[in-house]
Amino acid sequence: MVYGFHDSAPRYQVKNGGTYGIPYKALRVKGIENLLACGMMITSDHRPHMSTRNTVCCMGQGQGAGTAAALCAVKNCGTRELRYSDLREALTKAGVYFES
């Protein structure tokens, strides 16, 4: 998904009023297989965390994590083996915006 809100505006802003995305890799928990974490659980420093913890951003992350988990179950694969192209295709069909 694309997102552009920031709690600490105007101190921190997305360059030129743009948007940013959250990569699938940010939802995979380091060192624990087949566990996805989203919302306030993803790892970031203070500046992006002020934005990624926002409700709308958390909902988008949840949709991505839930879709990834469902695809892994259907494809009988782990979260690290899931092809990003398969996840992106499923999210695109669900109406997720990847570009602003």
PDB file of N, CA and C in Angstrom:
ATOM      1  N   MET A   1       0.836  -1.184   0.000  1.00  0.00           N
ATOM      2  CA  MET A   1       0.000   0.000   0.000  1.00  0.00           C
ATOM      3  C   MET A   1       0.872   1.234   0.000  1.00  0.00           C
ATOM      4  N   VAL A   2       0.299   2.342  -0.362  1.00  0.00           N
ATOM      5  CA  VAL A   2       1.000   3.615  -0.234  1.00  0.00           C
ATOM      6  C   VAL A   2       0.346   4.408   0.880  1.00  0.00           C
ATOM      7  N   TYR A   3       1.147   5.185   1.555  1.00  0.00           N
ATOM      8  CA  TYR A   3       0.682   5.932   2.714  1.00  0.00           C
ATOM      9  C   TYR A   3       1.493   7.212   2.831  1.00  0.00           C
ATOM     10  N   GLY A   4       0.926   8.257   3.381  1.00  0.00           N
ATOM     11  CA  GLY A   4       1.656   9.512   3.450  1.00  0.00           C
ATOM     12  C   GLY A   4       1.447  10.331   4.698  1.00  0.00           C
ATOM     13  N   PHE A   5       0.614   9.888   5.623  1.00  0.00           N
ATOM     14  CA  PHE A   5       0.333  10.642   6.842  1.00  0.00           C
ATOM     15  C   PHE A   5       1.508  10.563   7.812  1.00  0.00           C
ATOM     16  N   HIS A   6       1.719  11.604   8.602  1.00  0.00           N
ATOM     17  CA  HIS A   6       2.743  11.562   9.638  1.00  0.00           C
ATOM     18  C   HIS A   6       2.280  12.329  10.859  1.00  0.00           C
ATOM     19  N   ASP A   7       2.260  11.661  12.028  1.00  0.00           N
ATOM     20  CA  ASP A   7       1.823  12.277  13.286  1.00  0.00           C
ATOM     21  C   ASP A   7       2.633  13.499  13.677  1.00  0.00           C
ATOM     22  N   SER A   8       3.908  13.500  13.356  1.00  0.00           N
ATOM     23  CA  SER A   8       4.787  14.571  13.804  1.00  0.00           C
ATOM     24  C   SER A   8       4.919  15.697  12.797  1.00  0.00           C
ATOM     25  N   ALA A   9       4.032  15.778  11.827  1.00  0.00           N
ATOM     26  CA  ALA A   9       4.086  16.877  10.861  1.00  0.00           C
ATOM     27  C   ALA A   9       3.900  18.168  11.653  1.00  0.00           C
ATOM     28  N   PRO A  10       4.547  19.240  11.357  1.00  0.00           N
ATOM     29  CA  PRO A  10       5.419  19.433  10.192  1.00  0.00           C
ATOM     30  C   PRO A  10       6.890  19.102  10.433  1.00  0.00           C
ATOM     31  N   ARG A  11       7.249  18.586  11.618  1.00  0.00           N
ATOM     32  CA  ARG A  11       8.667  18.271  11.867  1.00  0.00           C
ATOM     33  C   ARG A  11       9.193  17.222  10.899  1.00  0.00           C
ATOM     34  N   TYR A  12       8.407  16.174  10.649  1.00  0.00           N
ATOM     35  CA  TYR A  12       8.800  15.120   9.719  1.00  0.00           C
ATOM     36  C   TYR A  12       7.744  15.031   8.633  1.00  0.00           C
ATOM     37  N   GLN A  13       8.187  15.057   7.398  1.00  0.00           N
ATOM     38  CA  GLN A  13       7.249  14.955   6.287  1.00  0.00           C
ATOM     39  C   GLN A  13       7.834  14.079   5.201  1.00  0.00           C
ATOM     40  N   VAL A  14       6.957  13.451   4.437  1.00  0.00           N
ATOM     41  CA  VAL A  14       7.391  12.694   3.276  1.00  0.00           C
ATOM     42  C   VAL A  14       7.786  13.720   2.218  1.00  0.00           C
ATOM     43  N   LYS A  15       8.935  13.528   1.614  1.00  0.00           N
ATOM     44  CA  LYS A  15       9.480  14.487   0.659  1.00  0.00           C
ATOM     45  C   LYS A  15       8.455  14.860  -0.414  1.00  0.00           C
ATOM     46  N   ASN A  16       8.292  16.134  -0.646  1.00  0.00           N
ATOM     47  CA  ASN A  16       7.393  16.692  -1.662  1.00  0.00           C
ATOM     48  C   ASN A  16       5.940  16.259  -1.474  1.00  0.00           C
ATOM     49  N   GLY A  17       5.558  15.976  -0.227  1.00  0.00           N
ATOM     50  CA  GLY A  17       4.169  15.590   0.036  1.00  0.00           C
ATOM     51  C   GLY A  17       3.796  14.244  -0.529  1.00  0.00           C
ATOM     52  N   GLY A  18       4.784  13.404  -0.781  1.00  0.00           N
ATOM     53  CA  GLY A  18       4.541  12.111  -1.416  1.00  0.00           C
ATOM     54  C   GLY A  18       4.062  11.034  -0.457  1.00  0.00           C
ATOM     55  N   THR A  19       4.239   9.821  -0.867  1.00  0.00           N
ATOM     56  CA  THR A  19       3.802   8.668  -0.093  1.00  0.00           C
ATOM     57  C   THR A  19       4.966   7.696   0.068  1.00  0.00           C
ATOM     58  N   TYR A  20       4.764   6.710   0.897  1.00  0.00           N
ATOM     59  CA  TYR A  20       5.763   5.662   1.058  1.00  0.00           C
ATOM     60  C   TYR A  20       5.041   4.326   1.180  1.00  0.00           C
ATOM     61  N   GLY A  21       5.772   3.273   0.998  1.00  0.00           N
ATOM     62  CA  GLY A  21       5.213   1.937   1.145  1.00  0.00           C
ATOM     63  C   GLY A  21       5.897   1.195   2.274  1.00  0.00           C
ATOM     64  N   ILE A  22       5.269   0.134   2.727  1.00  0.00           N
ATOM     65  CA  ILE A  22       5.867  -0.722   3.747  1.00  0.00           C
ATOM     66  C   ILE A  22       6.174  -2.050   3.084  1.00  0.00           C
ATOM     67  N   PRO A  23       7.444  -2.437   3.039  1.00  0.00           N
ATOM     68  CA  PRO A  23       7.794  -3.676   2.345  1.00  0.00           C
ATOM     69  C   PRO A  23       7.341  -4.917   3.109  1.00  0.00           C
ATOM     70  N   TYR A  24       7.023  -5.956   2.378  1.00  0.00           N
ATOM     71  CA  TYR A  24       6.631  -7.234   2.974  1.00  0.00           C
ATOM     72  C   TYR A  24       7.685  -7.711   3.973  1.00  0.00           C
ATOM     73  N   LYS A  25       8.943  -7.497   3.656  1.00  0.00           N
ATOM     74  CA  LYS A  25      10.033  -7.930   4.525  1.00  0.00           C
ATOM     75  C   LYS A  25       9.914  -7.314   5.925  1.00  0.00           C
ATOM     76  N   ALA A  26       9.342  -6.114   6.030  1.00  0.00           N
ATOM     77  CA  ALA A  26       9.191  -5.462   7.328  1.00  0.00           C
ATOM     78  C   ALA A  26       8.172  -6.175   8.210  1.00  0.00           C
ATOM     79  N   LEU A  27       7.320  -6.998   7.620  1.00  0.00           N
ATOM     80  CA  LEU A  27       6.301  -7.723   8.378  1.00  0.00           C
ATOM     81  C   LEU A  27       6.792  -9.096   8.854  1.00  0.00           C
ATOM     82  N   ARG A  28       7.885  -9.583   8.271  1.00  0.00           N
ATOM     83  CA  ARG A  28       8.417 -10.891   8.653  1.00  0.00           C
ATOM     84  C   ARG A  28       9.312 -10.739   9.873  1.00  0.00           C
ATOM     85  N   VAL A  29       9.099 -11.553  10.883  1.00  0.00           N
ATOM     86  CA  VAL A  29       9.848 -11.450  12.127  1.00  0.00           C
ATOM     87  C   VAL A  29      11.197 -12.141  11.987  1.00  0.00           C
ATOM     88  N   LYS A  30      12.254 -11.394  12.270  1.00  0.00           N
ATOM     89  CA  LYS A  30      13.604 -11.934  12.152  1.00  0.00           C
ATOM     90  C   LYS A  30      13.808 -13.085  13.129  1.00  0.00           C
ATOM     91  N   GLY A  31      14.314 -14.193  12.618  1.00  0.00           N
ATOM     92  CA  GLY A  31      14.665 -15.319  13.451  1.00  0.00           C
ATOM     93  C   GLY A  31      13.507 -16.234  13.823  1.00  0.00           C
ATOM     94  N   ILE A  32      12.283 -15.904  13.421  1.00  0.00           N
ATOM     95  CA  ILE A  32      11.136 -16.763  13.716  1.00  0.00           C
ATOM     96  C   ILE A  32      10.424 -17.054  12.400  1.00  0.00           C
ATOM     97  N   GLU A  33      10.431 -18.301  12.010  1.00  0.00           N
ATOM     98  CA  GLU A  33       9.810 -18.690  10.753  1.00  0.00           C
ATOM     99  C   GLU A  33       8.286 -18.596  10.840  1.00  0.00           C
ATOM    100  N   ASN A  34       7.676 -18.179   9.748  1.00  0.00           N
ATOM    101  CA  ASN A  34       6.221 -18.176   9.573  1.00  0.00           C
ATOM    102  C   ASN A  34       5.464 -17.313  10.581  1.00  0.00           C
ATOM    103  N   LEU A  35       6.084 -16.236  11.017  1.00  0.00           N
ATOM    104  CA  LEU A  35       5.412 -15.283  11.884  1.00  0.00           C
ATOM    105  C   LEU A  35       5.465 -13.916  11.231  1.00  0.00           C
ATOM    106  N   LEU A  36       4.309 -13.320  11.045  1.00  0.00           N
ATOM    107  CA  LEU A  36       4.217 -11.968  10.493  1.00  0.00           C
ATOM    108  C   LEU A  36       3.736 -11.036  11.596  1.00  0.00           C
ATOM    109  N   ALA A  37       4.296  -9.858  11.657  1.00  0.00           N
ATOM    110  CA  ALA A  37       3.896  -8.857  12.647  1.00  0.00           C
ATOM    111  C   ALA A  37       3.564  -7.568  11.907  1.00  0.00           C
ATOM    112  N   CYS A  38       2.498  -6.926  12.318  1.00  0.00           N
ATOM    113  CA  CYS A  38       2.122  -5.685  11.646  1.00  0.00           C
ATOM    114  C   CYS A  38       1.626  -4.669  12.668  1.00  0.00           C
ATOM    115  N   GLY A  39       1.314  -3.490  12.182  1.00  0.00           N
ATOM    116  CA  GLY A  39       0.848  -2.422  13.057  1.00  0.00           C
ATOM    117  C   GLY A  39       1.966  -1.927  13.941  1.00  0.00           C
ATOM    118  N   MET A  40       1.703  -1.830  15.218  1.00  0.00           N
ATOM    119  CA  MET A  40       2.701  -1.315  16.150  1.00  0.00           C
ATOM    120  C   MET A  40       3.841  -2.298  16.388  1.00  0.00           C
ATOM    121  N   MET A  41       3.743  -3.477  15.818  1.00  0.00           N
ATOM    122  CA  MET A  41       4.748  -4.515  16.047  1.00  0.00           C
ATOM    123  C   MET A  41       5.910  -4.484  15.056  1.00  0.00           C
ATOM    124  N   ILE A  42       5.786  -3.737  13.941  1.00  0.00           N
ATOM    125  CA  ILE A  42       6.903  -3.725  12.998  1.00  0.00           C
ATOM    126  C   ILE A  42       8.049  -2.913  13.583  1.00  0.00           C
ATOM    127  N   THR A  43       9.237  -3.210  13.146  1.00  0.00           N
ATOM    128  CA  THR A  43      10.422  -2.541  13.664  1.00  0.00           C
ATOM    129  C   THR A  43      10.727  -1.305  12.840  1.00  0.00           C
ATOM    130  N   SER A  44      10.931  -0.205  13.529  1.00  0.00           N
ATOM    131  CA  SER A  44      11.345   1.033  12.877  1.00  0.00           C
ATOM    132  C   SER A  44      11.927   1.951  13.932  1.00  0.00           C
ATOM    133  N   ASP A  45      12.585   3.018  13.485  1.00  0.00           N
ATOM    134  CA  ASP A  45      13.035   3.990  14.478  1.00  0.00           C
ATOM    135  C   ASP A  45      11.881   4.953  14.773  1.00  0.00           C
ATOM    136  N   HIS A  46      12.103   5.902  15.641  1.00  0.00           N
ATOM    137  CA  HIS A  46      11.046   6.778  16.139  1.00  0.00           C
ATOM    138  C   HIS A  46      10.318   7.540  15.017  1.00  0.00           C
ATOM    139  N   ARG A  47      11.060   8.069  14.069  1.00  0.00           N
ATOM    140  CA  ARG A  47      10.422   8.904  13.036  1.00  0.00           C
ATOM    141  C   ARG A  47       9.384   8.157  12.219  1.00  0.00           C
ATOM    142  N   PRO A  48       9.704   7.024  11.599  1.00  0.00           N
ATOM    143  CA  PRO A  48       8.646   6.336  10.854  1.00  0.00           C
ATOM    144  C   PRO A  48       7.589   5.705  11.758  1.00  0.00           C
ATOM    145  N   HIS A  49       7.978   5.317  12.976  1.00  0.00           N
ATOM    146  CA  HIS A  49       7.005   4.690  13.867  1.00  0.00           C
ATOM    147  C   HIS A  49       5.847   5.630  14.180  1.00  0.00           C
ATOM    148  N   MET A  50       6.101   6.917  14.201  1.00  0.00           N
ATOM    149  CA  MET A  50       5.047   7.893  14.471  1.00  0.00           C
ATOM    150  C   MET A  50       3.976   7.851  13.381  1.00  0.00           C
ATOM    151  N   SER A  51       4.319   7.309  12.231  1.00  0.00           N
ATOM    152  CA  SER A  51       3.365   7.198  11.137  1.00  0.00           C
ATOM    153  C   SER A  51       2.831   5.776  10.989  1.00  0.00           C
ATOM    154  N   THR A  52       3.697   4.787  11.117  1.00  0.00           N
ATOM    155  CA  THR A  52       3.274   3.404  10.878  1.00  0.00           C
ATOM    156  C   THR A  52       2.321   2.885  11.943  1.00  0.00           C
ATOM    157  N   ARG A  53       2.248   3.525  13.093  1.00  0.00           N
ATOM    158  CA  ARG A  53       1.343   3.086  14.157  1.00  0.00           C
ATOM    159  C   ARG A  53      -0.060   3.657  13.988  1.00  0.00           C
ATOM    160  N   ASN A  54      -0.260   4.540  13.002  1.00  0.00           N
ATOM    161  CA  ASN A  54      -1.556   5.135  12.744  1.00  0.00           C
ATOM    162  C   ASN A  54      -2.550   4.057  12.308  1.00  0.00           C
ATOM    163  N   THR A  55      -3.805   4.219  12.684  1.00  0.00           N
ATOM    164  CA  THR A  55      -4.832   3.201  12.424  1.00  0.00           C
ATOM    165  C   THR A  55      -4.932   2.808  10.954  1.00  0.00           C
ATOM    166  N   VAL A  56      -4.962   3.785  10.072  1.00  0.00           N
ATOM    167  CA  VAL A  56      -5.111   3.477   8.641  1.00  0.00           C
ATOM    168  C   VAL A  56      -3.907   2.696   8.130  1.00  0.00           C
ATOM    169  N   CYS A  57      -2.726   3.087   8.546  1.00  0.00           N
ATOM    170  CA  CYS A  57      -1.526   2.362   8.127  1.00  0.00           C
ATOM    171  C   CYS A  57      -1.537   0.945   8.696  1.00  0.00           C
ATOM    172  N   CYS A  58      -1.978   0.789   9.946  1.00  0.00           N
ATOM    173  CA  CYS A  58      -2.072  -0.549  10.560  1.00  0.00           C
ATOM    174  C   CYS A  58      -3.056  -1.434   9.811  1.00  0.00           C
ATOM    175  N   MET A  59      -4.162  -0.871   9.348  1.00  0.00           N
ATOM    176  CA  MET A  59      -5.134  -1.664   8.592  1.00  0.00           C
ATOM    177  C   MET A  59      -4.528  -2.165   7.291  1.00  0.00           C
ATOM    178  N   GLY A  60      -3.782  -1.312   6.606  1.00  0.00           N
ATOM    179  CA  GLY A  60      -3.127  -1.731   5.366  1.00  0.00           C
ATOM    180  C   GLY A  60      -2.109  -2.831   5.604  1.00  0.00           C
ATOM    181  N   GLN A  61      -1.344  -2.696   6.687  1.00  0.00           N
ATOM    182  CA  GLN A  61      -0.369  -3.735   7.022  1.00  0.00           C
ATOM    183  C   GLN A  61      -1.079  -5.048   7.354  1.00  0.00           C
ATOM    184  N   GLY A  62      -2.185  -4.953   8.062  1.00  0.00           N
ATOM    185  CA  GLY A  62      -2.957  -6.148   8.408  1.00  0.00           C
ATOM    186  C   GLY A  62      -3.495  -6.852   7.177  1.00  0.00           C
ATOM    187  N   GLN A  63      -3.941  -6.068   6.198  1.00  0.00           N
ATOM    188  CA  GLN A  63      -4.422  -6.679   4.960  1.00  0.00           C
ATOM    189  C   GLN A  63      -3.287  -7.403   4.253  1.00  0.00           C
ATOM    190  N   GLY A  64      -2.119  -6.781   4.220  1.00  0.00           N
ATOM    191  CA  GLY A  64      -0.973  -7.417   3.585  1.00  0.00           C
ATOM    192  C   GLY A  64      -0.548  -8.689   4.300  1.00  0.00           C
ATOM    193  N   ALA A  65      -0.490  -8.630   5.636  1.00  0.00           N
ATOM    194  CA  ALA A  65      -0.083  -9.799   6.419  1.00  0.00           C
ATOM    195  C   ALA A  65      -1.116 -10.919   6.306  1.00  0.00           C
ATOM    196  N   GLY A  66      -2.393 -10.580   6.374  1.00  0.00           N
ATOM    197  CA  GLY A  66      -3.441 -11.590   6.261  1.00  0.00           C
ATOM    198  C   GLY A  66      -3.467 -12.246   4.896  1.00  0.00           C
ATOM    199  N   THR A  67      -3.280 -11.446   3.864  1.00  0.00           N
ATOM    200  CA  THR A  67      -3.242 -11.992   2.505  1.00  0.00           C
ATOM    201  C   THR A  67      -2.036 -12.902   2.342  1.00  0.00           C
ATOM    202  N   ALA A  68      -0.891 -12.480   2.864  1.00  0.00           N
ATOM    203  CA  ALA A  68       0.318 -13.311   2.781  1.00  0.00           C
ATOM    204  C   ALA A  68       0.113 -14.634   3.509  1.00  0.00           C
ATOM    205  N   ALA A  69      -0.477 -14.592   4.697  1.00  0.00           N
ATOM    206  CA  ALA A  69      -0.718 -15.823   5.455  1.00  0.00           C
ATOM    207  C   ALA A  69      -1.658 -16.760   4.703  1.00  0.00           C
ATOM    208  N   ALA A  70      -2.700 -16.206   4.108  1.00  0.00           N
ATOM    209  CA  ALA A  70      -3.645 -17.031   3.346  1.00  0.00           C
ATOM    210  C   ALA A  70      -2.966 -17.658   2.136  1.00  0.00           C
ATOM    211  N   LEU A  71      -2.145 -16.882   1.436  1.00  0.00           N
ATOM    212  CA  LEU A  71      -1.432 -17.427   0.276  1.00  0.00           C
ATOM    213  C   LEU A  71      -0.467 -18.528   0.694  1.00  0.00           C
ATOM    214  N   CYS A  72       0.212 -18.329   1.823  1.00  0.00           N
ATOM    215  CA  CYS A  72       1.135 -19.365   2.308  1.00  0.00           C
ATOM    216  C   CYS A  72       0.386 -20.657   2.620  1.00  0.00           C
ATOM    217  N   ALA A  73      -0.796 -20.534   3.187  1.00  0.00           N
ATOM    218  CA  ALA A  73      -1.594 -21.730   3.497  1.00  0.00           C
ATOM    219  C   ALA A  73      -2.025 -22.443   2.220  1.00  0.00           C
ATOM    220  N   VAL A  74      -2.479 -21.671   1.239  1.00  0.00           N
ATOM    221  CA  VAL A  74      -2.931 -22.256  -0.031  1.00  0.00           C
ATOM    222  C   VAL A  74      -1.774 -22.887  -0.788  1.00  0.00           C
ATOM    223  N   LYS A  75      -0.620 -22.216  -0.791  1.00  0.00           N
ATOM    224  CA  LYS A  75       0.535 -22.685  -1.557  1.00  0.00           C
ATOM    225  C   LYS A  75       1.406 -23.655  -0.762  1.00  0.00           C
ATOM    226  N   ASN A  76       1.044 -23.876   0.521  1.00  0.00           N
ATOM    227  CA  ASN A  76       1.819 -24.754   1.393  1.00  0.00           C
ATOM    228  C   ASN A  76       3.295 -24.357   1.410  1.00  0.00           C
ATOM    229  N   CYS A  77       3.529 -23.072   1.673  1.00  0.00           N
ATOM    230  CA  CYS A  77       4.894 -22.570   1.744  1.00  0.00           C
ATOM    231  C   CYS A  77       5.036 -21.681   2.975  1.00  0.00           C
ATOM    232  N   GLY A  78       6.264 -21.381   3.339  1.00  0.00           N
ATOM    233  CA  GLY A  78       6.536 -20.498   4.465  1.00  0.00           C
ATOM    234  C   GLY A  78       6.485 -19.037   4.043  1.00  0.00           C
ATOM    235  N   THR A  79       6.465 -18.171   5.031  1.00  0.00           N
ATOM    236  CA  THR A  79       6.384 -16.739   4.736  1.00  0.00           C
ATOM    237  C   THR A  79       7.616 -16.224   4.007  1.00  0.00           C
ATOM    238  N   ARG A  80       8.741 -16.870   4.190  1.00  0.00           N
ATOM    239  CA  ARG A  80       9.963 -16.432   3.491  1.00  0.00           C
ATOM    240  C   ARG A  80      10.037 -17.001   2.068  1.00  0.00           C
ATOM    241  N   GLU A  81       9.276 -18.040   1.796  1.00  0.00           N
ATOM    242  CA  GLU A  81       9.269 -18.634   0.456  1.00  0.00           C
ATOM    243  C   GLU A  81       8.200 -18.033  -0.451  1.00  0.00           C
ATOM    244  N   LEU A  82       7.253 -17.323   0.123  1.00  0.00           N
ATOM    245  CA  LEU A  82       6.187 -16.718  -0.673  1.00  0.00           C
ATOM    246  C   LEU A  82       6.787 -15.707  -1.648  1.00  0.00           C
ATOM    247  N   ARG A  83       6.456 -15.869  -2.924  1.00  0.00           N
ATOM    248  CA  ARG A  83       6.967 -14.934  -3.937  1.00  0.00           C
ATOM    249  C   ARG A  83       6.230 -13.601  -3.815  1.00  0.00           C
ATOM    250  N   TYR A  84       6.996 -12.522  -3.779  1.00  0.00           N
ATOM    251  CA  TYR A  84       6.399 -11.194  -3.657  1.00  0.00           C
ATOM    252  C   TYR A  84       5.437 -10.931  -4.810  1.00  0.00           C
ATOM    253  N   SER A  85       5.748 -11.418  -5.994  1.00  0.00           N
ATOM    254  CA  SER A  85       4.867 -11.181  -7.143  1.00  0.00           C
ATOM    255  C   SER A  85       3.485 -11.794  -6.915  1.00  0.00           C
ATOM    256  N   ASP A  86       3.421 -12.945  -6.244  1.00  0.00           N
ATOM    257  CA  ASP A  86       2.126 -13.559  -5.934  1.00  0.00           C
ATOM    258  C   ASP A  86       1.347 -12.719  -4.931  1.00  0.00           C
ATOM    259  N   LEU A  87       2.045 -12.203  -3.929  1.00  0.00           N
ATOM    260  CA  LEU A  87       1.396 -11.351  -2.937  1.00  0.00           C
ATOM    261  C   LEU A  87       0.910 -10.054  -3.566  1.00  0.00           C
ATOM    262  N   ARG A  88       1.740  -9.441  -4.361  1.00  0.00           N
ATOM    263  CA  ARG A  88       1.350  -8.180  -5.011  1.00  0.00           C
ATOM    264  C   ARG A  88       0.146  -8.386  -5.926  1.00  0.00           C
ATOM    265  N   GLU A  89       0.134  -9.486  -6.673  1.00  0.00           N
ATOM    266  CA  GLU A  89      -0.989  -9.772  -7.567  1.00  0.00           C
ATOM    267  C   GLU A  89      -2.295  -9.912  -6.776  1.00  0.00           C
ATOM    268  N   ALA A  90      -2.248 -10.648  -5.672  1.00  0.00           N
ATOM    269  CA  ALA A  90      -3.448 -10.836  -4.844  1.00  0.00           C
ATOM    270  C   ALA A  90      -3.917  -9.510  -4.245  1.00  0.00           C
ATOM    271  N   LEU A  91      -2.975  -8.689  -3.789  1.00  0.00           N
ATOM    272  CA  LEU A  91      -3.344  -7.395  -3.213  1.00  0.00           C
ATOM    273  C   LEU A  91      -3.874  -6.438  -4.277  1.00  0.00           C
ATOM    274  N   THR A  92      -3.308  -6.493  -5.462  1.00  0.00           N
ATOM    275  CA  THR A  92      -3.800  -5.651  -6.567  1.00  0.00           C
ATOM    276  C   THR A  92      -5.233  -6.039  -6.917  1.00  0.00           C
ATOM    277  N   LYS A  93      -5.520  -7.332  -6.974  1.00  0.00           N
ATOM    278  CA  LYS A  93      -6.880  -7.794  -7.252  1.00  0.00           C
ATOM    279  C   LYS A  93      -7.848  -7.347  -6.159  1.00  0.00           C
ATOM    280  N   ALA A  94      -7.332  -7.161  -4.942  1.00  0.00           N
ATOM    281  CA  ALA A  94      -8.167  -6.715  -3.822  1.00  0.00           C
ATOM    282  C   ALA A  94      -8.327  -5.192  -3.791  1.00  0.00           C
ATOM    283  N   GLY A  95      -7.678  -4.497  -4.733  1.00  0.00           N
ATOM    284  CA  GLY A  95      -7.837  -3.056  -4.828  1.00  0.00           C
ATOM    285  C   GLY A  95      -6.828  -2.217  -4.067  1.00  0.00           C
ATOM    286  N   VAL A  96      -5.709  -2.825  -3.660  1.00  0.00           N
ATOM    287  CA  VAL A  96      -4.682  -2.085  -2.933  1.00  0.00           C
ATOM    288  C   VAL A  96      -3.908  -1.202  -3.912  1.00  0.00           C
ATOM    289  N   TYR A  97      -3.666   0.045  -3.519  1.00  0.00           N
ATOM    290  CA  TYR A  97      -2.882   0.982  -4.322  1.00  0.00           C
ATOM    291  C   TYR A  97      -1.408   0.858  -3.966  1.00  0.00           C
ATOM    292  N   PHE A  98      -0.573   0.722  -4.983  1.00  0.00           N
ATOM    293  CA  PHE A  98       0.879   0.649  -4.759  1.00  0.00           C
ATOM    294  C   PHE A  98       1.583   1.901  -5.231  1.00  0.00           C
ATOM    295  N   GLU A  99       0.877   2.757  -5.897  1.00  0.00           N
ATOM    296  CA  GLU A  99       1.454   4.026  -6.388  1.00  0.00           C
ATOM    297  C   GLU A  99       0.514   5.140  -5.990  1.00  0.00           C
ATOM    298  N   SER A 100       1.097   6.302  -5.707  1.00  0.00           N
ATOM    299  CA  SER A 100       0.241   7.435  -5.315  1.00  0.00           C
ATOM    300  C   SER A 100      -0.329   8.134  -6.536  1.00  0.00           C
TER     301      SER A 100
END
